[in-house]
Structures are given as structure tokens and as C-alpha cells.
N, C-alpha and C. Protein backbone atom coordinates (compact mmCIF):
# COMPACT_ATOMS: atom_id res chain seq x y z
N MET A 1 0.86 -1.27 0.17
CA MET A 1 0.27 0.39 -0.10
C MET A 1 0.95 0.93 0.12
N ARG A 2 1.37 1.47 0.85
CA ARG A 2 3.34 2.33 0.73
C ARG A 2 3.36 2.46 -0.86
N ASP A 3 4.04 1.58 -0.79
CA ASP A 3 4.61 1.80 -2.44
C ASP A 3 3.01 2.95 -3.52
N GLN A 4 2.19 2.09 -3.59
CA GLN A 4 0.98 2.68 -4.45
C GLN A 4 1.38 4.93 -3.99
N GLN A 5 1.00 4.19 -2.79
CA GLN A 5 0.50 5.89 -2.47
C GLN A 5 2.33 6.45 -2.71
N SER A 6 2.90 6.72 -2.66
CA SER A 6 3.89 7.15 -3.34
C SER A 6 4.76 6.81 -4.90
N THR A 7 3.55 5.62 -5.49
CA THR A 7 3.16 6.37 -6.77
C THR A 7 2.09 7.53 -6.95
N MET A 8 1.06 7.58 -6.32
CA MET A 8 0.31 8.38 -6.51
C MET A 8 0.22 9.61 -6.69
N GLN A 9 1.52 10.15 -5.57
CA GLN A 9 2.10 11.60 -5.25
C GLN A 9 2.91 11.52 -5.77
N THR A 10 3.77 10.01 -6.45
CA THR A 10 4.44 11.13 -7.93
C THR A 10 4.28 11.02 -9.47
N GLN A 11 2.51 11.06 -9.18
CA GLN A 11 1.86 11.62 -10.37
C GLN A 11 1.67 12.69 -10.90
N ASN A 12 1.25 13.07 -8.88
CA ASN A 12 0.30 14.76 -8.20
C ASN A 12 1.21 15.92 -8.71
N PRO A 13 1.02 16.16 -9.88
CA PRO A 13 1.70 17.69 -10.57
C PRO A 13 2.35 18.60 -9.58
N ILE A 14 1.39 18.50 -8.47
CA ILE A 14 1.72 19.80 -7.54
C ILE A 14 3.03 18.90 -6.88
N SER A 15 2.50 17.73 -6.29
CA SER A 15 3.93 17.16 -5.60
C SER A 15 4.86 17.04 -6.66
N GLN A 16 4.99 16.41 -7.95
CA GLN A 16 6.33 17.07 -8.44
C GLN A 16 7.38 18.41 -8.72
N ALA A 17 5.45 19.67 -8.59
CA ALA A 17 6.34 20.62 -8.24
C ALA A 17 7.15 21.45 -7.36
N GLN A 18 5.96 20.17 -6.25
CA GLN A 18 7.15 20.63 -4.79
C GLN A 18 8.61 19.86 -4.79
N ASN A 19 8.48 18.67 -5.26
CA ASN A 19 10.13 18.59 -4.72
C ASN A 19 10.57 19.20 -5.51
N ALA A 20 10.85 19.48 -6.97
CA ALA A 20 10.88 19.70 -8.34
C ALA A 20 11.39 21.31 -7.39
N VAL A 21 10.56 22.53 -6.53
CA VAL A 21 11.03 23.33 -5.86
C VAL A 21 12.00 23.05 -4.66
N LYS A 22 12.13 22.09 -4.03
CA LYS A 22 12.27 21.55 -2.96
C LYS A 22 14.49 21.32 -3.63
N SER A 23 14.09 20.87 -4.72
CA SER A 23 15.21 20.99 -5.14
C SER A 23 17.14 21.93 -5.13
N ALA A 24 15.54 22.31 -6.24
CA ALA A 24 16.33 23.94 -6.87
C ALA A 24 16.81 24.52 -4.98
N LYS A 25 16.13 25.32 -3.68
CA LYS A 25 15.65 25.14 -2.68
C LYS A 25 17.31 24.90 -2.46
N ASN A 26 17.45 23.44 -2.17
CA ASN A 26 18.45 22.96 -1.68
C ASN A 26 20.46 23.15 -3.10
N ALA A 27 19.85 23.60 -3.59
CA ALA A 27 20.00 23.68 -4.39
C ALA A 27 21.61 24.59 -5.16
N THR A 28 20.48 25.34 -4.50
CA THR A 28 20.84 27.29 -4.18
C THR A 28 21.75 27.56 -2.81
N ALA A 29 21.12 27.54 -1.91
CA ALA A 29 21.86 26.90 -0.86
C ALA A 29 23.29 25.93 -0.95
N GLN A 30 23.50 24.62 -1.59
CA GLN A 30 24.75 24.82 -1.42
C GLN A 30 25.41 25.55 -2.17
N MET A 31 25.23 26.20 -3.27
CA MET A 31 25.89 26.51 -4.40
C MET A 31 26.44 28.36 -3.64
N GLN A 32 25.63 28.46 -2.60
CA GLN A 32 25.45 29.92 -1.17
C GLN A 32 26.79 29.32 -0.23
N SER A 33 26.49 28.51 -0.49
CA SER A 33 28.02 28.05 0.52
C SER A 33 29.12 27.13 -0.27
N HIS A 34 28.75 26.59 -1.10
CA HIS A 34 30.31 26.38 -2.28
C HIS A 34 30.38 26.60 -3.07
N PRO A 35 30.60 28.66 -3.33
CA PRO A 35 30.27 29.00 -4.80
C PRO A 35 30.55 28.26 -5.63
N THR A 36 31.13 27.68 -6.28
CA THR A 36 31.59 27.37 -7.48
C THR A 36 30.90 27.40 -8.77
N VAL A 37 31.52 26.95 -10.33
CA VAL A 37 30.51 27.34 -10.56
C VAL A 37 29.94 25.82 -11.41
N GLN A 38 30.29 24.06 -10.90
CA GLN A 38 29.54 23.43 -10.79
C GLN A 38 28.04 23.45 -10.31
N ALA A 39 28.04 24.50 -9.01
CA ALA A 39 26.91 24.48 -8.09
C ALA A 39 26.49 25.16 -8.46
N ARG A 40 26.49 26.08 -9.27
CA ARG A 40 26.24 27.48 -10.22
C ARG A 40 25.38 26.24 -11.05
N THR A 41 25.88 26.32 -11.96
CA THR A 41 25.22 25.14 -13.45
C THR A 41 23.89 24.04 -12.01
N GLY A 42 24.57 23.76 -11.37
CA GLY A 42 23.66 22.65 -10.68
C GLY A 42 21.98 23.96 -9.91
N ALA A 43 22.28 24.65 -10.05
CA ALA A 43 21.26 25.68 -8.85
C ALA A 43 20.76 26.52 -10.53
N GLU A 44 20.84 26.17 -11.91
CA GLU A 44 20.42 26.36 -12.19
C GLU A 44 19.36 25.18 -13.51
N ASN A 45 20.72 24.45 -13.43
CA ASN A 45 19.35 23.99 -14.14
C ASN A 45 18.54 23.26 -13.03
N ALA A 46 18.75 23.33 -11.75
CA ALA A 46 17.70 22.76 -10.97
C ALA A 46 16.49 23.52 -10.80
N ILE A 47 16.90 25.18 -10.40
CA ILE A 47 15.79 26.48 -11.27
C ILE A 47 15.19 26.03 -12.96
N ALA A 48 15.34 25.61 -13.88
CA ALA A 48 15.00 25.55 -14.71
C ALA A 48 13.79 24.25 -15.15
N GLN A 49 14.14 23.17 -13.05
CA GLN A 49 13.49 21.47 -13.86
C GLN A 49 12.78 22.39 -13.45
N ALA A 50 12.60 23.30 -12.34
CA ALA A 50 11.62 23.44 -10.96
C ALA A 50 11.06 24.43 -10.98
N GLU A 51 11.55 25.21 -12.68
CA GLU A 51 10.08 26.19 -13.23
C GLU A 51 9.30 25.76 -14.40
N ARG A 52 9.61 24.42 -15.02
CA ARG A 52 8.51 23.74 -16.08
C ARG A 52 7.54 22.43 -15.03
N ALA A 53 8.46 22.61 -13.64
CA ALA A 53 6.95 21.42 -13.26
C ALA A 53 6.83 22.27 -12.64
N VAL A 54 6.49 23.89 -12.75
CA VAL A 54 5.40 24.87 -11.75
C VAL A 54 4.82 25.28 -12.48
N ALA A 55 5.02 24.89 -13.74
CA ALA A 55 4.10 26.00 -14.99
C ALA A 55 3.45 24.57 -15.48
N GLN A 56 3.98 22.83 -15.66
CA GLN A 56 3.27 22.32 -15.67
C GLN A 56 1.36 21.25 -14.72
N ALA A 57 2.35 22.66 -13.68
CA ALA A 57 1.09 22.46 -12.12
C ALA A 57 -0.48 23.69 -12.35
N GLN A 58 0.28 24.32 -13.02
CA GLN A 58 -0.49 25.57 -13.17
C GLN A 58 -1.71 24.98 -13.47
N THR A 59 -2.05 23.58 -13.83
CA THR A 59 -3.74 23.50 -14.12
C THR A 59 -4.63 23.25 -12.87
N SER A 60 -3.11 22.87 -12.18
CA SER A 60 -4.12 22.25 -10.89
C SER A 60 -5.45 23.78 -10.73
N GLU A 61 -5.73 23.27 -9.36
CA GLU A 61 -7.47 24.32 -9.23
C GLU A 61 -6.83 24.52 -7.77
N ASN A 62 -5.00 24.41 -7.03
CA ASN A 62 -4.79 24.79 -5.94
C ASN A 62 -3.88 25.61 -6.04
N HIS A 63 -4.59 26.88 -6.31
CA HIS A 63 -3.98 28.44 -7.36
C HIS A 63 -3.15 28.62 -5.31
N GLN A 64 -3.99 28.71 -4.26
CA GLN A 64 -2.83 28.43 -2.63
C GLN A 64 -1.22 27.67 -3.08
N ALA A 65 -1.64 27.01 -3.60
CA ALA A 65 -0.31 25.37 -3.38
C ALA A 65 0.68 25.96 -4.81
N ILE A 66 -0.03 26.56 -5.75
CA ILE A 66 0.30 27.37 -6.86
C ILE A 66 1.38 28.73 -6.19
N ALA A 67 0.52 29.24 -5.77
CA ALA A 67 1.49 30.36 -6.24
C ALA A 67 2.47 30.50 -4.64
N GLU A 68 2.41 29.45 -3.47
CA GLU A 68 3.81 28.98 -2.76
C GLU A 68 4.99 28.74 -3.23
N LEU A 69 4.54 28.31 -4.71
CA LEU A 69 5.77 27.62 -5.18
C LEU A 69 6.15 28.27 -5.64
N ASN A 70 5.26 29.47 -6.74
CA ASN A 70 6.01 30.47 -6.90
C ASN A 70 7.22 31.27 -6.14
N GLU A 71 6.30 31.74 -5.21
CA GLU A 71 7.19 32.82 -3.86
C GLU A 71 7.98 31.61 -3.49
N GLN A 72 8.51 30.95 -3.51
CA GLN A 72 9.53 29.82 -3.12
C GLN A 72 10.70 30.00 -4.14
N LEU A 73 9.82 29.56 -5.46
CA LEU A 73 11.05 29.83 -6.97
C LEU A 73 11.84 31.22 -7.10
N GLU A 74 10.75 32.32 -7.14
CA GLU A 74 11.49 33.23 -7.10
C GLU A 74 12.40 33.22 -5.99
N GLU A 75 12.41 32.88 -5.39
CA GLU A 75 13.51 33.42 -3.62
C GLU A 75 14.88 32.68 -3.82
N ALA A 76 14.46 30.69 -5.24
CA ALA A 76 15.34 30.06 -5.49
C ALA A 76 16.47 31.50 -6.12
N ARG A 77 15.78 32.41 -6.86
CA ARG A 77 15.50 32.06 -8.04
C ARG A 77 16.72 34.22 -7.54
N LYS A 78 16.60 35.06 -7.08
CA LYS A 78 17.32 35.84 -6.03
C LYS A 78 18.51 34.73 -5.57
N GLN A 79 18.76 34.51 -4.67
CA GLN A 79 19.78 33.39 -3.91
C GLN A 79 20.08 33.66 -5.28
N LEU A 80 20.61 32.60 -5.99
CA LEU A 80 21.43 31.89 -7.33
C LEU A 80 22.28 33.85 -8.13
N ASN A 81 20.98 34.98 -8.05
CA ASN A 81 21.83 35.74 -8.99
C ASN A 81 22.28 36.59 -7.47
N GLN A 82 22.53 36.71 -6.37
CA GLN A 82 22.86 37.36 -5.51
C GLN A 82 24.28 36.76 -5.05
N THR A 83 24.39 35.24 -5.45
CA THR A 83 26.52 34.28 -5.42
C THR A 83 26.93 34.74 -6.48
N ASN A 84 28.16 35.43 -6.09
CA ASN A 84 29.38 35.39 -7.38
C ASN A 84 29.62 33.79 -7.30
N THR A 85 29.96 33.69 -8.89
CA THR A 85 31.09 31.94 -8.20
C THR A 85 32.08 32.03 -9.19
N ASP A 86 32.56 32.75 -8.37
CA ASP A 86 34.64 32.83 -9.15
C ASP A 86 35.81 32.15 -9.12
């Protein structure tokens, strides 16, 4: 039953977007603590993936969840832009 629940969760566009945004936030946090070109590239890729996931979830009727995900994603973008990788 647990496998069935996790499968259902991964198929839910909101859950996918939440996971992608969480990954983007983690990648930007990692880049901030270890500002390398490789970490920046990883953060940029994670943000791009999260943007796609949130865009796919836009059709959901859970507008509050989408708004929160967009806010979190914007926060990750700001963190990315504030960190220099020299």
C-alpha cells in the first residue's frame, strides 16, 4: 500500500512541483555555501526544472499551493543571482 501511495504522489503535478522547488532551494543553498561554477550550473538546472514543473502544475485548482511554489521559486532565483562564483 505504501508503494501505491508514493506512486500516486509522484504522479501528482503539485507534488512533482513541490519536489522540484525543494531541489532548487537545496541546490541554491549548496551553491551559497560552496560557490563554484559547477554548483551554480547545478542550481540553474534545478531552477529550470522547477520552473517547468510549476508551469505544468498551473492547471491545478490549488491556486494557493501554486502561489506558494512560485514564491519559493522566486526566492531561489534571488539567491542564485546574489551569489558570485569566482
